[in-house]
Amino acid sequence: MKSIKKNPLIGRREITFEVEEISTPSRAEIRRDIAVLMKTELENVWIRKMETKSGTRTTVGTVHIYDEAEKALQVEPEYIIKRNQAPEQPSEPKEESG
């Protein structure tokens, strides 16, 4: 964690992070790791931005951790909510009867 800023008006912590990995980590991995580090529930953690610096193994970004998950759904834009949802599992092909 590079910096942590409290925003009591909205009820969240705004965190800037930096991660060094061999390959770019997934949004889900970062979200899960931050939830564990900050000792909070996964649904309270919302990654706003993530980018890997060109030519390096360093990923930097910002994340918001809310006191209440319901507040996040009111405040965060819809595209951020969609980005932070777990990827859908591919549905199994249905067999046609005939």
PDB file of N, CA and C in Angstrom:
ATOM      1  N   MET A   1       0.844  -1.168   0.000  1.00  0.00           N
ATOM      2  CA  MET A   1       0.000   0.000   0.000  1.00  0.00           C
ATOM      3  C   MET A   1       0.894   1.238   0.000  1.00  0.00           C
ATOM      4  N   LYS A   2       0.630   2.108  -0.959  1.00  0.00           N
ATOM      5  CA  LYS A   2       1.423   3.329  -1.029  1.00  0.00           C
ATOM      6  C   LYS A   2       0.823   4.427  -0.166  1.00  0.00           C
ATOM      7  N   SER A   3      -0.506   4.574  -0.225  1.00  0.00           N
ATOM      8  CA  SER A   3      -1.146   5.591   0.610  1.00  0.00           C
ATOM      9  C   SER A   3      -2.572   5.185   0.935  1.00  0.00           C
ATOM     10  N   ILE A   4      -3.040   5.616   2.094  1.00  0.00           N
ATOM     11  CA  ILE A   4      -4.410   5.353   2.523  1.00  0.00           C
ATOM     12  C   ILE A   4      -5.008   6.682   2.958  1.00  0.00           C
ATOM     13  N   LYS A   5      -6.143   7.023   2.368  1.00  0.00           N
ATOM     14  CA  LYS A   5      -6.828   8.270   2.703  1.00  0.00           C
ATOM     15  C   LYS A   5      -8.235   7.924   3.156  1.00  0.00           C
ATOM     16  N   LYS A   6      -8.638   8.450   4.307  1.00  0.00           N
ATOM     17  CA  LYS A   6     -10.002   8.206   4.799  1.00  0.00           C
ATOM     18  C   LYS A   6     -10.936   9.263   4.235  1.00  0.00           C
ATOM     19  N   ASN A   7     -12.137   8.816   3.852  1.00  0.00           N
ATOM     20  CA  ASN A   7     -13.176   9.720   3.381  1.00  0.00           C
ATOM     21  C   ASN A   7     -14.415   9.437   4.227  1.00  0.00           C
ATOM     22  N   PRO A   8     -14.510  10.063   5.418  1.00  0.00           N
ATOM     23  CA  PRO A   8     -15.609   9.748   6.333  1.00  0.00           C
ATOM     24  C   PRO A   8     -16.981  10.183   5.824  1.00  0.00           C
ATOM     25  N   LEU A   9     -17.027  11.185   4.954  1.00  0.00           N
ATOM     26  CA  LEU A   9     -18.297  11.654   4.420  1.00  0.00           C
ATOM     27  C   LEU A   9     -19.003  10.551   3.628  1.00  0.00           C
ATOM     28  N   ILE A  10     -18.233   9.821   2.844  1.00  0.00           N
ATOM     29  CA  ILE A  10     -18.793   8.732   2.036  1.00  0.00           C
ATOM     30  C   ILE A  10     -18.706   7.402   2.774  1.00  0.00           C
ATOM     31  N   GLY A  11     -17.808   7.299   3.738  1.00  0.00           N
ATOM     32  CA  GLY A  11     -17.654   6.054   4.482  1.00  0.00           C
ATOM     33  C   GLY A  11     -16.771   5.061   3.767  1.00  0.00           C
ATOM     34  N   ARG A  12     -15.609   5.546   3.312  1.00  0.00           N
ATOM     35  CA  ARG A  12     -14.688   4.640   2.617  1.00  0.00           C
ATOM     36  C   ARG A  12     -13.243   5.068   2.849  1.00  0.00           C
ATOM     37  N   ARG A  13     -12.341   4.136   2.540  1.00  0.00           N
ATOM     38  CA  ARG A  13     -10.915   4.411   2.517  1.00  0.00           C
ATOM     39  C   ARG A  13     -10.473   4.345   1.065  1.00  0.00           C
ATOM     40  N   GLU A  14      -9.674   5.306   0.644  1.00  0.00           N
ATOM     41  CA  GLU A  14      -9.175   5.369  -0.723  1.00  0.00           C
ATOM     42  C   GLU A  14      -7.691   5.016  -0.683  1.00  0.00           C
ATOM     43  N   ILE A  15      -7.332   3.935  -1.356  1.00  0.00           N
ATOM     44  CA  ILE A  15      -5.980   3.381  -1.251  1.00  0.00           C
ATOM     45  C   ILE A  15      -5.299   3.379  -2.611  1.00  0.00           C
ATOM     46  N   THR A  16      -4.035   3.768  -2.614  1.00  0.00           N
ATOM     47  CA  THR A  16      -3.192   3.636  -3.798  1.00  0.00           C
ATOM     48  C   THR A  16      -2.260   2.464  -3.524  1.00  0.00           C
ATOM     49  N   PHE A  17      -2.187   1.522  -4.473  1.00  0.00           N
ATOM     50  CA  PHE A  17      -1.357   0.340  -4.246  1.00  0.00           C
ATOM     51  C   PHE A  17      -0.365   0.136  -5.376  1.00  0.00           C
ATOM     52  N   GLU A  18       0.661  -0.676  -5.081  1.00  0.00           N
ATOM     53  CA  GLU A  18       1.673  -1.049  -6.060  1.00  0.00           C
ATOM     54  C   GLU A  18       2.022  -2.512  -5.824  1.00  0.00           C
ATOM     55  N   VAL A  19       1.991  -3.311  -6.894  1.00  0.00           N
ATOM     56  CA  VAL A  19       2.246  -4.747  -6.794  1.00  0.00           C
ATOM     57  C   VAL A  19       3.306  -5.115  -7.825  1.00  0.00           C
ATOM     58  N   GLU A  20       4.284  -5.923  -7.409  1.00  0.00           N
ATOM     59  CA  GLU A  20       5.279  -6.439  -8.351  1.00  0.00           C
ATOM     60  C   GLU A  20       5.037  -7.920  -8.541  1.00  0.00           C
ATOM     61  N   GLU A  21       4.742  -8.322  -9.758  1.00  0.00           N
ATOM     62  CA  GLU A  21       4.468  -9.720 -10.111  1.00  0.00           C
ATOM     63  C   GLU A  21       5.178 -10.035 -11.420  1.00  0.00           C
ATOM     64  N   ILE A  22       5.386 -11.316 -11.674  1.00  0.00           N
ATOM     65  CA  ILE A  22       5.992 -11.743 -12.929  1.00  0.00           C
ATOM     66  C   ILE A  22       5.060 -11.422 -14.096  1.00  0.00           C
ATOM     67  N   SER A  23       3.767 -11.666 -13.902  1.00  0.00           N
ATOM     68  CA  SER A  23       2.779 -11.318 -14.923  1.00  0.00           C
ATOM     69  C   SER A  23       1.727 -10.413 -14.287  1.00  0.00           C
ATOM     70  N   THR A  24       0.961  -9.734 -15.114  1.00  0.00           N
ATOM     71  CA  THR A  24      -0.057  -8.826 -14.600  1.00  0.00           C
ATOM     72  C   THR A  24      -1.116  -9.607 -13.833  1.00  0.00           C
ATOM     73  N   PRO A  25      -1.351  -9.254 -12.570  1.00  0.00           N
ATOM     74  CA  PRO A  25      -2.362  -9.967 -11.782  1.00  0.00           C
ATOM     75  C   PRO A  25      -3.768  -9.602 -12.248  1.00  0.00           C
ATOM     76  N   SER A  26      -4.706 -10.492 -12.014  1.00  0.00           N
ATOM     77  CA  SER A  26      -6.090 -10.205 -12.405  1.00  0.00           C
ATOM     78  C   SER A  26      -6.721  -9.269 -11.381  1.00  0.00           C
ATOM     79  N   ARG A  27      -7.762  -8.610 -11.805  1.00  0.00           N
ATOM     80  CA  ARG A  27      -8.512  -7.708 -10.924  1.00  0.00           C
ATOM     81  C   ARG A  27      -9.057  -8.486  -9.722  1.00  0.00           C
ATOM     82  N   ALA A  28      -9.527  -9.717  -9.957  1.00  0.00           N
ATOM     83  CA  ALA A  28     -10.080 -10.547  -8.880  1.00  0.00           C
ATOM     84  C   ALA A  28      -9.010 -10.894  -7.846  1.00  0.00           C
ATOM     85  N   GLU A  29      -7.787 -11.207  -8.305  1.00  0.00           N
ATOM     86  CA  GLU A  29      -6.696 -11.531  -7.378  1.00  0.00           C
ATOM     87  C   GLU A  29      -6.347 -10.338  -6.498  1.00  0.00           C
ATOM     88  N   ILE A  30      -6.209  -9.174  -7.118  1.00  0.00           N
ATOM     89  CA  ILE A  30      -5.870  -7.961  -6.375  1.00  0.00           C
ATOM     90  C   ILE A  30      -6.965  -7.643  -5.364  1.00  0.00           C
ATOM     91  N   ARG A  31      -8.209  -7.735  -5.805  1.00  0.00           N
ATOM     92  CA  ARG A  31      -9.353  -7.437  -4.940  1.00  0.00           C
ATOM     93  C   ARG A  31      -9.363  -8.364  -3.711  1.00  0.00           C
ATOM     94  N   ARG A  32      -9.151  -9.658  -3.946  1.00  0.00           N
ATOM     95  CA  ARG A  32      -9.137 -10.637  -2.862  1.00  0.00           C
ATOM     96  C   ARG A  32      -7.975 -10.369  -1.901  1.00  0.00           C
ATOM     97  N   ASP A  33      -6.790 -10.100  -2.435  1.00  0.00           N
ATOM     98  CA  ASP A  33      -5.617  -9.857  -1.598  1.00  0.00           C
ATOM     99  C   ASP A  33      -5.778  -8.603  -0.741  1.00  0.00           C
ATOM    100  N   ILE A  34      -6.347  -7.549  -1.320  1.00  0.00           N
ATOM    101  CA  ILE A  34      -6.552  -6.316  -0.559  1.00  0.00           C
ATOM    102  C   ILE A  34      -7.585  -6.539   0.537  1.00  0.00           C
ATOM    103  N   ALA A  35      -8.632  -7.303   0.250  1.00  0.00           N
ATOM    104  CA  ALA A  35      -9.650  -7.608   1.270  1.00  0.00           C
ATOM    105  C   ALA A  35      -9.008  -8.328   2.453  1.00  0.00           C
ATOM    106  N   VAL A  36      -8.107  -9.264   2.183  1.00  0.00           N
ATOM    107  CA  VAL A  36      -7.433  -9.995   3.256  1.00  0.00           C
ATOM    108  C   VAL A  36      -6.498  -9.065   4.035  1.00  0.00           C
ATOM    109  N   LEU A  37      -5.710  -8.254   3.305  1.00  0.00           N
ATOM    110  CA  LEU A  37      -4.777  -7.341   3.968  1.00  0.00           C
ATOM    111  C   LEU A  37      -5.484  -6.315   4.842  1.00  0.00           C
ATOM    112  N   MET A  38      -6.609  -5.818   4.371  1.00  0.00           N
ATOM    113  CA  MET A  38      -7.325  -4.771   5.098  1.00  0.00           C
ATOM    114  C   MET A  38      -8.365  -5.337   6.059  1.00  0.00           C
ATOM    115  N   LYS A  39      -8.446  -6.664   6.137  1.00  0.00           N
ATOM    116  CA  LYS A  39      -9.353  -7.364   7.055  1.00  0.00           C
ATOM    117  C   LYS A  39     -10.799  -6.897   6.888  1.00  0.00           C
ATOM    118  N   THR A  40     -11.287  -7.010   5.654  1.00  0.00           N
ATOM    119  CA  THR A  40     -12.662  -6.627   5.347  1.00  0.00           C
ATOM    120  C   THR A  40     -13.273  -7.649   4.403  1.00  0.00           C
ATOM    121  N   GLU A  41     -14.564  -7.528   4.184  1.00  0.00           N
ATOM    122  CA  GLU A  41     -15.271  -8.438   3.282  1.00  0.00           C
ATOM    123  C   GLU A  41     -14.978  -8.064   1.826  1.00  0.00           C
ATOM    124  N   LEU A  42     -14.994  -9.048   0.950  1.00  0.00           N
ATOM    125  CA  LEU A  42     -14.701  -8.838  -0.467  1.00  0.00           C
ATOM    126  C   LEU A  42     -15.674  -7.856  -1.114  1.00  0.00           C
ATOM    127  N   GLU A  43     -16.952  -7.894  -0.718  1.00  0.00           N
ATOM    128  CA  GLU A  43     -17.943  -7.009  -1.356  1.00  0.00           C
ATOM    129  C   GLU A  43     -17.774  -5.539  -0.962  1.00  0.00           C
ATOM    130  N   ASN A  44     -16.866  -5.242  -0.012  1.00  0.00           N
ATOM    131  CA  ASN A  44     -16.580  -3.856   0.366  1.00  0.00           C
ATOM    132  C   ASN A  44     -15.422  -3.263  -0.437  1.00  0.00           C
ATOM    133  N   VAL A  45     -14.728  -4.087  -1.219  1.00  0.00           N
ATOM    134  CA  VAL A  45     -13.528  -3.672  -1.950  1.00  0.00           C
ATOM    135  C   VAL A  45     -13.861  -3.473  -3.424  1.00  0.00           C
ATOM    136  N   TRP A  46     -13.534  -2.278  -3.939  1.00  0.00           N
ATOM    137  CA  TRP A  46     -13.832  -1.934  -5.336  1.00  0.00           C
ATOM    138  C   TRP A  46     -12.603  -1.326  -5.982  1.00  0.00           C
ATOM    139  N   ILE A  47     -12.045  -2.021  -6.970  1.00  0.00           N
ATOM    140  CA  ILE A  47     -10.863  -1.520  -7.673  1.00  0.00           C
ATOM    141  C   ILE A  47     -11.320  -0.483  -8.695  1.00  0.00           C
ATOM    142  N   ARG A  48     -10.744   0.704  -8.608  1.00  0.00           N
ATOM    143  CA  ARG A  48     -11.092   1.792  -9.511  1.00  0.00           C
ATOM    144  C   ARG A  48     -10.207   1.789 -10.749  1.00  0.00           C
ATOM    145  N   LYS A  49      -8.894   1.597 -10.550  1.00  0.00           N
ATOM    146  CA  LYS A  49      -7.964   1.678 -11.664  1.00  0.00           C
ATOM    147  C   LYS A  49      -6.806   0.726 -11.411  1.00  0.00           C
ATOM    148  N   MET A  50      -6.337   0.098 -12.481  1.00  0.00           N
ATOM    149  CA  MET A  50      -5.185  -0.801 -12.422  1.00  0.00           C
ATOM    150  C   MET A  50      -4.433  -0.681 -13.723  1.00  0.00           C
ATOM    151  N   GLU A  51      -3.134  -0.428 -13.661  1.00  0.00           N
ATOM    152  CA  GLU A  51      -2.343  -0.415 -14.888  1.00  0.00           C
ATOM    153  C   GLU A  51      -0.928  -0.886 -14.599  1.00  0.00           C
ATOM    154  N   THR A  52      -0.388  -1.649 -15.551  1.00  0.00           N
ATOM    155  CA  THR A  52       0.976  -2.145 -15.440  1.00  0.00           C
ATOM    156  C   THR A  52       1.872  -1.203 -16.206  1.00  0.00           C
ATOM    157  N   LYS A  53       2.903  -0.733 -15.546  1.00  0.00           N
ATOM    158  CA  LYS A  53       3.823   0.183 -16.194  1.00  0.00           C
ATOM    159  C   LYS A  53       4.567  -0.552 -17.310  1.00  0.00           C
ATOM    160  N   SER A  54       4.638   0.059 -18.439  1.00  0.00           N
ATOM    161  CA  SER A  54       5.273  -0.526 -19.619  1.00  0.00           C
ATOM    162  C   SER A  54       6.739  -0.866 -19.339  1.00  0.00           C
ATOM    163  N   GLY A  55       7.125  -2.098 -19.677  1.00  0.00           N
ATOM    164  CA  GLY A  55       8.505  -2.537 -19.525  1.00  0.00           C
ATOM    165  C   GLY A  55       8.897  -2.911 -18.108  1.00  0.00           C
ATOM    166  N   THR A  56       7.926  -2.979 -17.203  1.00  0.00           N
ATOM    167  CA  THR A  56       8.231  -3.342 -15.820  1.00  0.00           C
ATOM    168  C   THR A  56       7.298  -4.456 -15.359  1.00  0.00           C
ATOM    169  N   ARG A  57       7.511  -4.909 -14.152  1.00  0.00           N
ATOM    170  CA  ARG A  57       6.634  -5.915 -13.543  1.00  0.00           C
ATOM    171  C   ARG A  57       5.763  -5.275 -12.468  1.00  0.00           C
ATOM    172  N   THR A  58       5.633  -3.960 -12.509  1.00  0.00           N
ATOM    173  CA  THR A  58       4.925  -3.230 -11.468  1.00  0.00           C
ATOM    174  C   THR A  58       3.535  -2.818 -11.931  1.00  0.00           C
ATOM    175  N   THR A  59       2.532  -3.192 -11.158  1.00  0.00           N
ATOM    176  CA  THR A  59       1.150  -2.784 -11.403  1.00  0.00           C
ATOM    177  C   THR A  59       0.765  -1.799 -10.316  1.00  0.00           C
ATOM    178  N   VAL A  60       0.243  -0.639 -10.722  1.00  0.00           N
ATOM    179  CA  VAL A  60      -0.204   0.365  -9.762  1.00  0.00           C
ATOM    180  C   VAL A  60      -1.691   0.614  -9.968  1.00  0.00           C
ATOM    181  N   GLY A  61      -2.354   1.075  -8.926  1.00  0.00           N
ATOM    182  CA  GLY A  61      -3.779   1.337  -9.061  1.00  0.00           C
ATOM    183  C   GLY A  61      -4.368   1.971  -7.826  1.00  0.00           C
ATOM    184  N   THR A  62      -5.690   2.182  -7.909  1.00  0.00           N
ATOM    185  CA  THR A  62      -6.428   2.737  -6.776  1.00  0.00           C
ATOM    186  C   THR A  62      -7.604   1.831  -6.466  1.00  0.00           C
ATOM    187  N   VAL A  63      -7.943   1.782  -5.192  1.00  0.00           N
ATOM    188  CA  VAL A  63      -9.045   0.941  -4.732  1.00  0.00           C
ATOM    189  C   VAL A  63      -9.812   1.706  -3.659  1.00  0.00           C
ATOM    190  N   HIS A  64     -11.114   1.497  -3.613  1.00  0.00           N
ATOM    191  CA  HIS A  64     -11.964   2.074  -2.572  1.00  0.00           C
ATOM    192  C   HIS A  64     -12.474   0.934  -1.697  1.00  0.00           C
ATOM    193  N   ILE A  65     -12.358   1.100  -0.388  1.00  0.00           N
ATOM    194  CA  ILE A  65     -12.873   0.113   0.563  1.00  0.00           C
ATOM    195  C   ILE A  65     -13.969   0.799   1.373  1.00  0.00           C
ATOM    196  N   TYR A  66     -15.171   0.302   1.223  1.00  0.00           N
ATOM    197  CA  TYR A  66     -16.334   0.903   1.886  1.00  0.00           C
ATOM    198  C   TYR A  66     -16.609   0.235   3.223  1.00  0.00           C
ATOM    199  N   ASP A  67     -17.186   1.022   4.145  1.00  0.00           N
ATOM    200  CA  ASP A  67     -17.610   0.481   5.435  1.00  0.00           C
ATOM    201  C   ASP A  67     -18.817  -0.432   5.243  1.00  0.00           C
ATOM    202  N   GLU A  68     -19.683  -0.088   4.268  1.00  0.00           N
ATOM    203  CA  GLU A  68     -20.884  -0.875   3.968  1.00  0.00           C
ATOM    204  C   GLU A  68     -20.962  -1.120   2.462  1.00  0.00           C
ATOM    205  N   ALA A  69     -21.210  -2.357   2.074  1.00  0.00           N
ATOM    206  CA  ALA A  69     -21.276  -2.719   0.659  1.00  0.00           C
ATOM    207  C   ALA A  69     -22.407  -1.981  -0.057  1.00  0.00           C
ATOM    208  N   GLU A  70     -23.508  -1.727   0.641  1.00  0.00           N
ATOM    209  CA  GLU A  70     -24.659  -1.048   0.018  1.00  0.00           C
ATOM    210  C   GLU A  70     -24.278   0.365  -0.419  1.00  0.00           C
ATOM    211  N   LYS A  71     -23.434   1.028   0.342  1.00  0.00           N
ATOM    212  CA  LYS A  71     -23.001   2.389   0.014  1.00  0.00           C
ATOM    213  C   LYS A  71     -22.198   2.386  -1.282  1.00  0.00           C
ATOM    214  N   ALA A  72     -21.391   1.355  -1.483  1.00  0.00           N
ATOM    215  CA  ALA A  72     -20.591   1.246  -2.700  1.00  0.00           C
ATOM    216  C   ALA A  72     -21.491   1.187  -3.930  1.00  0.00           C
ATOM    217  N   LEU A  73     -22.572   0.445  -3.834  1.00  0.00           N
ATOM    218  CA  LEU A  73     -23.490   0.316  -4.970  1.00  0.00           C
ATOM    219  C   LEU A  73     -24.195   1.632  -5.271  1.00  0.00           C
ATOM    220  N   GLN A  74     -24.331   2.502  -4.282  1.00  0.00           N
ATOM    221  CA  GLN A  74     -24.938   3.813  -4.490  1.00  0.00           C
ATOM    222  C   GLN A  74     -23.948   4.812  -5.086  1.00  0.00           C
ATOM    223  N   VAL A  75     -22.674   4.691  -4.718  1.00  0.00           N
ATOM    224  CA  VAL A  75     -21.675   5.696  -5.070  1.00  0.00           C
ATOM    225  C   VAL A  75     -20.885   5.352  -6.329  1.00  0.00           C
ATOM    226  N   GLU A  76     -20.458   4.116  -6.457  1.00  0.00           N
ATOM    227  CA  GLU A  76     -19.600   3.724  -7.578  1.00  0.00           C
ATOM    228  C   GLU A  76     -20.362   3.733  -8.899  1.00  0.00           C
ATOM    229  N   PRO A  77     -19.703   4.178  -9.988  1.00  0.00           N
ATOM    230  CA  PRO A  77     -20.347   4.136 -11.305  1.00  0.00           C
ATOM    231  C   PRO A  77     -20.626   2.698 -11.744  1.00  0.00           C
ATOM    232  N   GLU A  78     -21.595   2.546 -12.615  1.00  0.00           N
ATOM    233  CA  GLU A  78     -22.015   1.211 -13.056  1.00  0.00           C
ATOM    234  C   GLU A  78     -20.878   0.437 -13.727  1.00  0.00           C
ATOM    235  N   TYR A  79     -20.038   1.120 -14.498  1.00  0.00           N
ATOM    236  CA  TYR A  79     -18.950   0.412 -15.181  1.00  0.00           C
ATOM    237  C   TYR A  79     -17.921  -0.130 -14.190  1.00  0.00           C
ATOM    238  N   ILE A  80     -17.711   0.540 -13.072  1.00  0.00           N
ATOM    239  CA  ILE A  80     -16.791   0.042 -12.043  1.00  0.00           C
ATOM    240  C   ILE A  80     -17.394  -1.188 -11.368  1.00  0.00           C
ATOM    241  N   ILE A  81     -18.685  -1.159 -11.122  1.00  0.00           N
ATOM    242  CA  ILE A  81     -19.368  -2.308 -10.514  1.00  0.00           C
ATOM    243  C   ILE A  81     -19.265  -3.520 -11.432  1.00  0.00           C
ATOM    244  N   LYS A  82     -19.473  -3.319 -12.733  1.00  0.00           N
ATOM    245  CA  LYS A  82     -19.374  -4.429 -13.691  1.00  0.00           C
ATOM    246  C   LYS A  82     -17.956  -4.986 -13.755  1.00  0.00           C
ATOM    247  N   ARG A  83     -16.964  -4.122 -13.744  1.00  0.00           N
ATOM    248  CA  ARG A  83     -15.566  -4.565 -13.812  1.00  0.00           C
ATOM    249  C   ARG A  83     -15.157  -5.407 -12.607  1.00  0.00           C
ATOM    250  N   ASN A  84     -15.747  -5.116 -11.463  1.00  0.00           N
ATOM    251  CA  ASN A  84     -15.361  -5.803 -10.237  1.00  0.00           C
ATOM    252  C   ASN A  84     -16.159  -7.062  -9.963  1.00  0.00           C
ATOM    253  N   GLN A  85     -17.131  -7.370 -10.800  1.00  0.00           N
ATOM    254  CA  GLN A  85     -17.895  -8.598 -10.611  1.00  0.00           C
ATOM    255  C   GLN A  85     -17.078  -9.780 -11.095  1.00  0.00           C
ATOM    256  N   ALA A  86     -17.326 -10.931 -10.487  1.00  0.00           N
ATOM    257  CA  ALA A  86     -16.616 -12.146 -10.883  1.00  0.00           C
ATOM    258  C   ALA A  86     -16.974 -12.491 -12.325  1.00  0.00           C
ATOM    259  N   PRO A  87     -16.007 -12.956 -13.104  1.00  0.00           N
ATOM    260  CA  PRO A  87     -16.316 -13.339 -14.481  1.00  0.00           C
ATOM    261  C   PRO A  87     -17.322 -14.475 -14.514  1.00  0.00           C
ATOM    262  N   GLU A  88     -18.218 -14.406 -15.489  1.00  0.00           N
ATOM    263  CA  GLU A  88     -19.257 -15.438 -15.593  1.00  0.00           C
ATOM    264  C   GLU A  88     -18.645 -16.740 -16.080  1.00  0.00           C
ATOM    265  N   GLN A  89     -19.125 -17.819 -15.505  1.00  0.00           N
ATOM    266  CA  GLN A  89     -18.673 -19.137 -15.930  1.00  0.00           C
ATOM    267  C   GLN A  89     -19.371 -19.470 -17.253  1.00  0.00           C
ATOM    268  N   PRO A  90     -18.644 -20.039 -18.203  1.00  0.00           N
ATOM    269  CA  PRO A  90     -19.300 -20.400 -19.460  1.00  0.00           C
ATOM    270  C   PRO A  90     -20.372 -21.460 -19.216  1.00  0.00           C
ATOM    271  N   SER A  91     -21.518 -21.247 -19.794  1.00  0.00           N
ATOM    272  CA  SER A  91     -22.605 -22.199 -19.587  1.00  0.00           C
ATOM    273  C   SER A  91     -22.350 -23.454 -20.418  1.00  0.00           C
ATOM    274  N   GLU A  92     -22.794 -24.580 -19.883  1.00  0.00           N
ATOM    275  CA  GLU A  92     -22.585 -25.839 -20.584  1.00  0.00           C
ATOM    276  C   GLU A  92     -23.574 -25.923 -21.749  1.00  0.00           C
ATOM    277  N   PRO A  93     -23.110 -26.450 -22.892  1.00  0.00           N
ATOM    278  CA  PRO A  93     -24.029 -26.538 -24.042  1.00  0.00           C
ATOM    279  C   PRO A  93     -25.205 -27.461 -23.732  1.00  0.00           C
ATOM    280  N   LYS A  94     -26.370 -27.026 -24.128  1.00  0.00           N
ATOM    281  CA  LYS A  94     -27.561 -27.829 -23.895  1.00  0.00           C
ATOM    282  C   LYS A  94     -27.714 -28.851 -25.008  1.00  0.00           C
ATOM    283  N   GLU A  95     -28.113 -30.036 -24.621  1.00  0.00           N
ATOM    284  CA  GLU A  95     -28.344 -31.079 -25.617  1.00  0.00           C
ATOM    285  C   GLU A  95     -29.733 -30.928 -26.197  1.00  0.00           C
ATOM    286  N   GLU A  96     -29.786 -31.007 -27.499  1.00  0.00           N
ATOM    287  CA  GLU A  96     -31.098 -30.893 -28.149  1.00  0.00           C
ATOM    288  C   GLU A  96     -31.729 -32.261 -28.238  1.00  0.00           C
ATOM    289  N   SER A  97     -32.989 -32.325 -27.844  1.00  0.00           N
ATOM    290  CA  SER A  97     -33.699 -33.591 -27.959  1.00  0.00           C
ATOM    291  C   SER A  97     -34.411 -33.623 -29.297  1.00  0.00           C
ATOM    292  N   GLY A  98     -34.410 -34.743 -29.907  1.00  0.00           N
ATOM    293  CA  GLY A  98     -35.071 -34.700 -31.183  1.00  0.00           C
ATOM    294  C   GLY A  98     -35.241 -35.980 -31.758  1.00  0.00           C
TER     295      GLY A  98
END
